[in-house]
């Protein structure tokens, strides 16, 4: 199965390639063998809770709706 991996060339730096799993790949610029590097995934979590942004927004929306219903009951 092909995936996107990051490799590091000593001369040209980091580059990405869509390849089968391999530990080394050649640099597209100079042809030098370049080892695969492990990079951090880019995942955005919500503040302190660690929840995904959608979960926090959903909770807030439900909370506001619940407060509105309670105020409506109190006023009637």
C-alpha atoms as a PDB file:
ATOM      1  CA  UNK A   1       0.000   0.000   0.000  1.00  0.00           C
ATOM      2  CA  UNK A   2       1.347   3.398  -0.939  1.00  0.00           C
ATOM      3  CA  UNK A   3       1.478   6.213   1.600  1.00  0.00           C
ATOM      4  CA  UNK A   4       3.060   9.642   1.927  1.00  0.00           C
ATOM      5  CA  UNK A   5       6.344   9.495   3.817  1.00  0.00           C
ATOM      6  CA  UNK A   6       8.893  12.167   4.669  1.00  0.00           C
ATOM      7  CA  UNK A   7      12.538  11.604   3.828  1.00  0.00           C
ATOM      8  CA  UNK A   8      15.592  13.705   4.669  1.00  0.00           C
ATOM      9  CA  UNK A   9      18.312  14.398   2.139  1.00  0.00           C
ATOM     10  CA  UNK A  10      21.574  15.604   3.718  1.00  0.00           C
ATOM     11  CA  UNK A  11      21.967  18.170   0.938  1.00  0.00           C
ATOM     12  CA  UNK A  12      18.426  19.317   0.045  1.00  0.00           C
ATOM     13  CA  UNK A  13      16.554  18.781   3.323  1.00  0.00           C
ATOM     14  CA  UNK A  14      13.148  17.216   3.920  1.00  0.00           C
ATOM     15  CA  UNK A  15      10.889  16.054   1.104  1.00  0.00           C
ATOM     16  CA  UNK A  16       7.706  13.966   0.827  1.00  0.00           C
ATOM     17  CA  UNK A  17       7.060  11.074  -1.524  1.00  0.00           C
ATOM     18  CA  UNK A  18       4.036   8.868  -2.211  1.00  0.00           C
ATOM     19  CA  UNK A  19       5.682   5.421  -2.115  1.00  0.00           C
ATOM     20  CA  UNK A  20       5.367   1.860  -0.875  1.00  0.00           C
ATOM     21  CA  UNK A  21       6.763   1.345   2.639  1.00  0.00           C
ATOM     22  CA  UNK A  22      10.553   1.633   2.607  1.00  0.00           C
ATOM     23  CA  UNK A  23      13.242   2.811   4.988  1.00  0.00           C
ATOM     24  CA  UNK A  24      15.186   4.739   2.323  1.00  0.00           C
ATOM     25  CA  UNK A  25      14.322   6.545  -0.869  1.00  0.00           C
ATOM     26  CA  UNK A  26      16.360   8.579  -3.310  1.00  0.00           C
ATOM     27  CA  UNK A  27      16.243  12.363  -3.309  1.00  0.00           C
ATOM     28  CA  UNK A  28      14.393  13.608  -6.436  1.00  0.00           C
ATOM     29  CA  UNK A  29      16.920  16.450  -6.853  1.00  0.00           C
ATOM     30  CA  UNK A  30      20.318  14.779  -6.415  1.00  0.00           C
ATOM     31  CA  UNK A  31      19.552  11.027  -6.354  1.00  0.00           C
ATOM     32  CA  UNK A  32      21.273  10.500  -2.984  1.00  0.00           C
ATOM     33  CA  UNK A  33      19.790   7.825  -0.664  1.00  0.00           C
ATOM     34  CA  UNK A  34      17.652   9.545   1.961  1.00  0.00           C
ATOM     35  CA  UNK A  35      16.378   7.867   5.142  1.00  0.00           C
ATOM     36  CA  UNK A  36      12.728   8.058   6.168  1.00  0.00           C
ATOM     37  CA  UNK A  37      12.054  10.357   9.116  1.00  0.00           C
ATOM     38  CA  UNK A  38       9.248  10.281  11.651  1.00  0.00           C
ATOM     39  CA  UNK A  39       7.306  13.513  11.821  1.00  0.00           C
ATOM     40  CA  UNK A  40       4.590  14.637  14.208  1.00  0.00           C
ATOM     41  CA  UNK A  41       1.025  14.428  12.887  1.00  0.00           C
ATOM     42  CA  UNK A  42      -0.890  17.681  12.684  1.00  0.00           C
ATOM     43  CA  UNK A  43      -3.955  17.249  14.868  1.00  0.00           C
ATOM     44  CA  UNK A  44      -5.731  20.236  16.344  1.00  0.00           C
ATOM     45  CA  UNK A  45      -7.323  19.559  19.718  1.00  0.00           C
ATOM     46  CA  UNK A  46      -9.571  21.918  21.647  1.00  0.00           C
ATOM     47  CA  UNK A  47      -7.855  23.813  24.462  1.00  0.00           C
ATOM     48  CA  UNK A  48      -7.461  22.110  27.818  1.00  0.00           C
ATOM     49  CA  UNK A  49     -10.063  19.369  27.382  1.00  0.00           C
ATOM     50  CA  UNK A  50      -8.266  17.599  24.546  1.00  0.00           C
ATOM     51  CA  UNK A  51     -11.576  17.136  22.736  1.00  0.00           C
ATOM     52  CA  UNK A  52     -11.840  17.712  19.026  1.00  0.00           C
ATOM     53  CA  UNK A  53     -13.200  21.170  18.089  1.00  0.00           C
ATOM     54  CA  UNK A  54     -16.533  19.753  16.933  1.00  0.00           C
ATOM     55  CA  UNK A  55     -17.186  18.153  20.329  1.00  0.00           C
ATOM     56  CA  UNK A  56     -16.635  21.421  22.203  1.00  0.00           C
ATOM     57  CA  UNK A  57     -18.871  23.372  19.829  1.00  0.00           C
ATOM     58  CA  UNK A  58     -21.592  20.717  20.072  1.00  0.00           C
ATOM     59  CA  UNK A  59     -21.491  20.777  23.894  1.00  0.00           C
ATOM     60  CA  UNK A  60     -21.655  24.586  23.946  1.00  0.00           C
ATOM     61  CA  UNK A  61     -24.648  24.635  21.575  1.00  0.00           C
ATOM     62  CA  UNK A  62     -26.547  22.069  23.696  1.00  0.00           C
ATOM     63  CA  UNK A  63     -25.701  23.984  26.871  1.00  0.00           C
ATOM     64  CA  UNK A  64     -27.030  27.266  25.440  1.00  0.00           C
ATOM     65  CA  UNK A  65     -30.229  25.551  24.243  1.00  0.00           C
ATOM     66  CA  UNK A  66     -30.762  23.978  27.685  1.00  0.00           C
ATOM     67  CA  UNK A  67     -30.321  27.352  29.425  1.00  0.00           C
ATOM     68  CA  UNK A  68     -32.785  28.970  27.005  1.00  0.00           C
ATOM     69  CA  UNK A  69     -35.395  26.260  27.722  1.00  0.00           C
ATOM     70  CA  UNK A  70     -34.945  26.673  31.496  1.00  0.00           C
ATOM     71  CA  UNK A  71     -35.359  30.462  31.255  1.00  0.00           C
ATOM     72  CA  UNK A  72     -38.467  30.009  29.123  1.00  0.00           C
ATOM     73  CA  UNK A  73     -40.015  27.647  31.734  1.00  0.00           C
ATOM     74  CA  UNK A  74     -39.193  30.071  34.551  1.00  0.00           C
ATOM     75  CA  UNK A  75     -40.802  33.025  32.755  1.00  0.00           C
ATOM     76  CA  UNK A  76     -44.086  31.198  31.996  1.00  0.00           C
END
